[in-house]
Amino acid sequence: MTDREQRIHDLALVVVENSLEDIDESYGIRQYAAEAVRVYNEAKKVIEKELD
């Protein structure tokens, strides 16, 4: 993994961590995990665009 890729990954994880605090507590583990992956992938796309 390049430095750029590592930075994108790290920033996306911060976004996931912050957004998961707002997830409804009624979510089951599968919903929670799916939301985490969705947020991570979306954050990664946005961060890559901003860094370009």
Protein backbone atom coordinates (compact mmCIF):
# COMPACT_ATOMS: atom_id res chain seq x y z
CA MET A 1 0.00 0.00 0.00
CA THR A 2 1.36 3.40 -0.97
CA ASP A 3 1.46 6.37 1.41
CA ARG A 4 -1.44 7.95 -0.45
CA GLU A 5 -3.53 4.78 -0.20
CA GLN A 6 -2.71 4.51 3.50
CA ARG A 7 -3.79 8.10 4.12
CA ILE A 8 -7.05 7.55 2.24
CA HIS A 9 -7.69 4.37 4.22
CA ASP A 10 -6.93 6.05 7.55
CA LEU A 11 -9.15 9.04 6.81
CA ALA A 12 -11.99 6.78 5.66
CA LEU A 13 -11.75 4.86 8.94
CA VAL A 14 -12.08 8.11 10.87
CA VAL A 15 -15.23 8.92 8.91
CA VAL A 16 -16.62 5.44 9.66
CA GLU A 17 -15.82 5.74 13.35
CA ASN A 18 -17.57 9.11 13.57
CA SER A 19 -20.61 8.03 11.60
CA LEU A 20 -21.12 4.78 13.51
CA GLU A 21 -21.69 6.78 16.67
CA ASP A 22 -24.92 8.02 15.07
CA ILE A 23 -26.27 4.64 13.96
CA ASP A 24 -29.52 3.57 15.54
CA GLU A 25 -28.94 1.15 18.41
CA SER A 26 -31.70 -1.10 17.08
CA TYR A 27 -29.46 -2.17 14.17
CA GLY A 28 -28.40 -5.79 14.22
CA ILE A 29 -24.77 -6.75 13.67
CA ARG A 30 -25.31 -7.41 9.95
CA GLN A 31 -26.94 -4.02 9.41
CA TYR A 32 -24.22 -2.35 11.46
CA ALA A 33 -21.47 -4.07 9.47
CA ALA A 34 -23.13 -3.31 6.13
CA GLU A 35 -23.46 0.35 7.08
CA ALA A 36 -19.81 0.50 8.14
CA VAL A 37 -18.68 -0.92 4.79
CA ARG A 38 -20.99 1.41 2.86
CA VAL A 39 -19.73 4.48 4.72
CA TYR A 40 -16.09 3.40 4.30
CA ASN A 41 -16.44 2.93 0.53
CA GLU A 42 -18.26 6.22 0.09
CA ALA A 43 -15.74 8.10 2.24
CA LYS A 44 -12.88 6.58 0.28
CA LYS A 45 -14.35 7.80 -3.02
CA VAL A 46 -14.84 11.34 -1.70
CA ILE A 47 -11.36 11.49 -0.15
CA GLU A 48 -9.72 10.26 -3.36
CA LYS A 49 -11.52 12.95 -5.36
CA GLU A 50 -10.49 15.66 -2.89
CA LEU A 51 -6.84 14.59 -2.95
CA ASP A 52 -6.67 14.68 -6.76
